C-alpha atoms as a PDB file:
ATOM      1  CA  MET A   1     -58.353 -47.079  34.776  1.00  0.00           C
ATOM      2  CA  SER A   2     -59.032 -43.014  35.578  1.00  0.00           C
ATOM      3  CA  TYR A   3     -56.537 -41.457  38.006  1.00  0.00           C
ATOM      4  CA  PRO A   4     -57.725 -39.201  40.165  1.00  0.00           C
ATOM      5  CA  GLU A   5     -57.480 -35.547  39.127  1.00  0.00           C
ATOM      6  CA  ALA A   6     -56.758 -33.794  42.666  1.00  0.00           C
ATOM      7  CA  TYR A   7     -53.522 -36.427  43.279  1.00  0.00           C
ATOM      8  CA  LYS A   8     -50.207 -36.092  42.113  1.00  0.00           C
ATOM      9  CA  TYR A   9     -47.657 -38.229  40.214  1.00  0.00           C
ATOM     10  CA  THR A  10     -44.011 -39.563  39.921  1.00  0.00           C
ATOM     11  CA  LYS A  11     -42.005 -41.257  37.043  1.00  0.00           C
ATOM     12  CA  GLU A  12     -41.789 -44.341  39.824  1.00  0.00           C
ATOM     13  CA  HIS A  13     -45.370 -44.526  40.010  1.00  0.00           C
ATOM     14  CA  GLU A  14     -46.677 -42.998  43.256  1.00  0.00           C
ATOM     15  CA  TRP A  15     -49.441 -40.513  43.807  1.00  0.00           C
ATOM     16  CA  VAL A  16     -49.722 -38.046  47.187  1.00  0.00           C
ATOM     17  CA  ASP A  17     -52.912 -36.473  47.621  1.00  0.00           C
ATOM     18  CA  ILE A  18     -52.215 -33.149  49.737  1.00  0.00           C
ATOM     19  CA  HIS A  19     -54.318 -31.279  51.490  1.00  0.00           C
ATOM     20  CA  ASP A  20     -52.601 -28.441  53.211  1.00  0.00           C
ATOM     21  CA  ASP A  21     -49.685 -29.516  54.702  1.00  0.00           C
ATOM     22  CA  GLU A  22     -50.221 -33.160  54.491  1.00  0.00           C
ATOM     23  CA  GLY A  23     -50.019 -35.799  52.378  1.00  0.00           C
ATOM     24  CA  LYS A  24     -51.612 -38.870  51.926  1.00  0.00           C
ATOM     25  CA  VAL A  25     -48.872 -41.502  49.676  1.00  0.00           C
ATOM     26  CA  GLY A  26     -49.715 -44.799  47.556  1.00  0.00           C
ATOM     27  CA  ILE A  27     -48.799 -46.365  44.380  1.00  0.00           C
ATOM     28  CA  THR A  28     -50.758 -45.984  40.993  1.00  0.00           C
ATOM     29  CA  ASP A  29     -52.526 -48.499  39.487  1.00  0.00           C
ATOM     30  CA  HIS A  30     -50.242 -48.602  36.995  1.00  0.00           C
ATOM     31  CA  ALA A  31     -47.927 -49.708  39.521  1.00  0.00           C
ATOM     32  CA  GLN A  32     -49.946 -52.416  41.216  1.00  0.00           C
ATOM     33  CA  HIS A  33     -50.718 -53.650  37.481  1.00  0.00           C
ATOM     34  CA  GLU A  34     -46.912 -54.678  36.703  1.00  0.00           C
ATOM     35  CA  LEU A  35     -46.073 -55.663  39.791  1.00  0.00           C
ATOM     36  CA  GLY A  36     -49.091 -58.655  40.187  1.00  0.00           C
ATOM     37  CA  ASP A  37     -50.669 -59.797  43.482  1.00  0.00           C
ATOM     38  CA  ILE A  38     -48.878 -58.034  45.977  1.00  0.00           C
ATOM     39  CA  VAL A  39     -48.157 -60.094  48.930  1.00  0.00           C
ATOM     40  CA  PHE A  40     -46.474 -58.023  51.634  1.00  0.00           C
ATOM     41  CA  VAL A  41     -46.154 -54.304  52.339  1.00  0.00           C
ATOM     42  CA  ASP A  42     -43.091 -53.135  53.811  1.00  0.00           C
ATOM     43  CA  LEU A  43     -43.981 -49.726  55.546  1.00  0.00           C
ATOM     44  CA  PRO A  44     -41.793 -46.922  57.920  1.00  0.00           C
ATOM     45  CA  LYS A  45     -42.655 -46.576  60.942  1.00  0.00           C
ATOM     46  CA  PRO A  46     -44.919 -43.313  62.579  1.00  0.00           C
ATOM     47  CA  LYS A  47     -42.085 -40.386  62.889  1.00  0.00           C
ATOM     48  CA  THR A  48     -39.687 -41.879  60.618  1.00  0.00           C
ATOM     49  CA  GLN A  49     -38.394 -38.562  58.147  1.00  0.00           C
ATOM     50  CA  VAL A  50     -38.630 -39.369  54.845  1.00  0.00           C
ATOM     51  CA  THR A  51     -37.095 -37.526  51.716  1.00  0.00           C
ATOM     52  CA  LYS A  52     -38.632 -36.622  48.405  1.00  0.00           C
ATOM     53  CA  GLY A  53     -36.909 -39.787  45.521  1.00  0.00           C
ATOM     54  CA  HIS A  54     -35.601 -41.789  48.186  1.00  0.00           C
ATOM     55  CA  THR A  55     -36.984 -45.126  49.126  1.00  0.00           C
ATOM     56  CA  PHE A  56     -39.311 -44.936  52.347  1.00  0.00           C
ATOM     57  CA  GLY A  57     -40.672 -48.875  52.307  1.00  0.00           C
ATOM     58  CA  SER A  58     -41.227 -52.034  49.605  1.00  0.00           C
ATOM     59  CA  VAL A  59     -44.127 -53.997  47.933  1.00  0.00           C
ATOM     60  CA  GLU A  60     -43.240 -57.635  47.599  1.00  0.00           C
ATOM     61  CA  SER A  61     -45.562 -59.696  44.787  1.00  0.00           C
ATOM     62  CA  VAL A  62     -45.573 -62.793  43.590  1.00  0.00           C
ATOM     63  CA  LYS A  63     -43.459 -61.586  40.960  1.00  0.00           C
ATOM     64  CA  ALA A  64     -40.420 -59.200  42.888  1.00  0.00           C
ATOM     65  CA  VAL A  65     -39.831 -56.771  45.210  1.00  0.00           C
ATOM     66  CA  SER A  66     -40.220 -52.861  44.712  1.00  0.00           C
ATOM     67  CA  ASP A  67     -38.405 -49.608  46.340  1.00  0.00           C
ATOM     68  CA  ILE A  68     -41.568 -47.552  47.078  1.00  0.00           C
ATOM     69  CA  TYR A  69     -39.936 -43.480  46.671  1.00  0.00           C
ATOM     70  CA  ALA A  70     -41.228 -40.673  48.535  1.00  0.00           C
ATOM     71  CA  PRO A  71     -43.228 -37.919  46.410  1.00  0.00           C
ATOM     72  CA  VAL A  72     -42.546 -35.011  48.639  1.00  0.00           C
ATOM     73  CA  SER A  73     -40.476 -34.726  51.929  1.00  0.00           C
ATOM     74  CA  GLY A  74     -42.046 -35.009  55.386  1.00  0.00           C
ATOM     75  CA  GLU A  75     -42.487 -36.906  58.754  1.00  0.00           C
ATOM     76  CA  VAL A  76     -44.521 -39.615  58.161  1.00  0.00           C
ATOM     77  CA  LEU A  77     -48.006 -39.533  60.565  1.00  0.00           C
ATOM     78  CA  GLU A  78     -49.542 -43.061  60.524  1.00  0.00           C
ATOM     79  CA  THR A  79     -49.315 -45.693  57.842  1.00  0.00           C
ATOM     80  CA  ASN A  80     -52.165 -47.963  56.989  1.00  0.00           C
ATOM     81  CA  ALA A  81     -52.784 -50.621  59.188  1.00  0.00           C
ATOM     82  CA  LEU A  82     -54.878 -52.580  56.740  1.00  0.00           C
ATOM     83  CA  LEU A  83     -51.683 -53.573  54.534  1.00  0.00           C
ATOM     84  CA  SER A  84     -50.427 -55.759  57.304  1.00  0.00           C
ATOM     85  CA  LYS A  85     -53.422 -57.733  57.495  1.00  0.00           C
ATOM     86  CA  SER A  86     -54.619 -57.413  53.777  1.00  0.00           C
ATOM     87  CA  PRO A  87     -51.815 -56.478  51.068  1.00  0.00           C
ATOM     88  CA  GLU A  88     -53.703 -57.488  48.490  1.00  0.00           C
ATOM     89  CA  THR A  89     -56.230 -53.981  49.151  1.00  0.00           C
ATOM     90  CA  LEU A  90     -53.314 -52.317  47.157  1.00  0.00           C
ATOM     91  CA  ASN A  91     -54.169 -54.277  43.751  1.00  0.00           C
ATOM     92  CA  GLU A  92     -57.891 -54.033  44.583  1.00  0.00           C
ATOM     93  CA  ASP A  93     -58.229 -50.260  45.842  1.00  0.00           C
ATOM     94  CA  PRO A  94     -54.697 -48.058  45.109  1.00  0.00           C
ATOM     95  CA  HIS A  95     -56.206 -44.969  44.687  1.00  0.00           C
ATOM     96  CA  GLY A  96     -58.802 -44.609  47.715  1.00  0.00           C
ATOM     97  CA  LYS A  97     -58.112 -47.591  50.950  1.00  0.00           C
ATOM     98  CA  GLY A  98     -54.203 -48.920  49.356  1.00  0.00           C
ATOM     99  CA  TRP A  99     -52.925 -45.856  50.339  1.00  0.00           C
ATOM    100  CA  LEU A 100     -49.434 -46.507  52.010  1.00  0.00           C
ATOM    101  CA  ILE A 101     -48.865 -43.389  54.086  1.00  0.00           C
ATOM    102  CA  LYS A 102     -49.910 -40.307  56.091  1.00  0.00           C
ATOM    103  CA  ILE A 103     -46.942 -37.512  56.165  1.00  0.00           C
ATOM    104  CA  LYS A 104     -46.935 -34.017  57.354  1.00  0.00           C
ATOM    105  CA  LEU A 105     -44.999 -32.318  54.234  1.00  0.00           C
ATOM    106  CA  SER A 106     -41.547 -30.455  55.092  1.00  0.00           C
ATOM    107  CA  ALA A 107     -41.475 -28.783  51.944  1.00  0.00           C
ATOM    108  CA  PRO A 108     -44.904 -28.599  50.735  1.00  0.00           C
ATOM    109  CA  ALA A 109     -43.595 -26.742  47.489  1.00  0.00           C
ATOM    110  CA  GLU A 110     -41.751 -29.847  46.264  1.00  0.00           C
ATOM    111  CA  ALA A 111     -45.347 -30.984  44.562  1.00  0.00           C
ATOM    112  CA  GLU A 112     -45.076 -28.503  42.476  1.00  0.00           C
ATOM    113  CA  GLY A 113     -42.639 -30.486  40.500  1.00  0.00           C
ATOM    114  CA  LEU A 114     -44.967 -33.598  40.434  1.00  0.00           C
ATOM    115  CA  MET A 115     -47.202 -35.098  36.986  1.00  0.00           C
ATOM    116  CA  ALA A 116     -51.117 -34.146  37.036  1.00  0.00           C
ATOM    117  CA  ALA A 117     -52.949 -36.899  36.372  1.00  0.00           C
ATOM    118  CA  ALA A 118     -53.277 -35.943  32.223  1.00  0.00           C
ATOM    119  CA  ASP A 119     -49.602 -35.937  32.132  1.00  0.00           C
ATOM    120  CA  TYR A 120     -48.938 -38.654  34.196  1.00  0.00           C
ATOM    121  CA  GLU A 121     -51.339 -40.906  31.879  1.00  0.00           C
ATOM    122  CA  LYS A 122     -49.744 -40.011  28.985  1.00  0.00           C
ATOM    123  CA  TYR A 123     -46.499 -41.001  30.443  1.00  0.00           C
ATOM    124  CA  VAL A 124     -47.668 -44.740  30.903  1.00  0.00           C
ATOM    125  CA  GLY A 125     -49.243 -44.567  27.764  1.00  0.00           C
ATOM    126  CA  ALA A 126     -45.756 -44.544  26.690  1.00  0.00           C
ATOM    127  CA  GLU A 127     -43.667 -46.907  28.301  1.00  0.00           C
END
């Protein structure tokens, strides 16, 4: 699996795609592969504040329930409604249609501490 170059990644296996002061957040292909078949996604409502490094939702698979951590801080603008009807989209397209939330960044500089795609690939290769 190749990881989109424009995205930034966390050690907890989330990604963020930032454009200006907005970011789209999801889990990585590595994360969805480790989880197995995803059956439910719990996401925050719009206008919820999320804080970098803190949980904002969870993903339930046939194996386990895993927390999702915010890669950056901000206000939730939108959640991916597709996932409530088709949570398996996270397995099928984690870097595209399987995005989780869109947020308005409150501290854009936080993204500077995240990994580039090549660094993330090395990180998951070492796990």
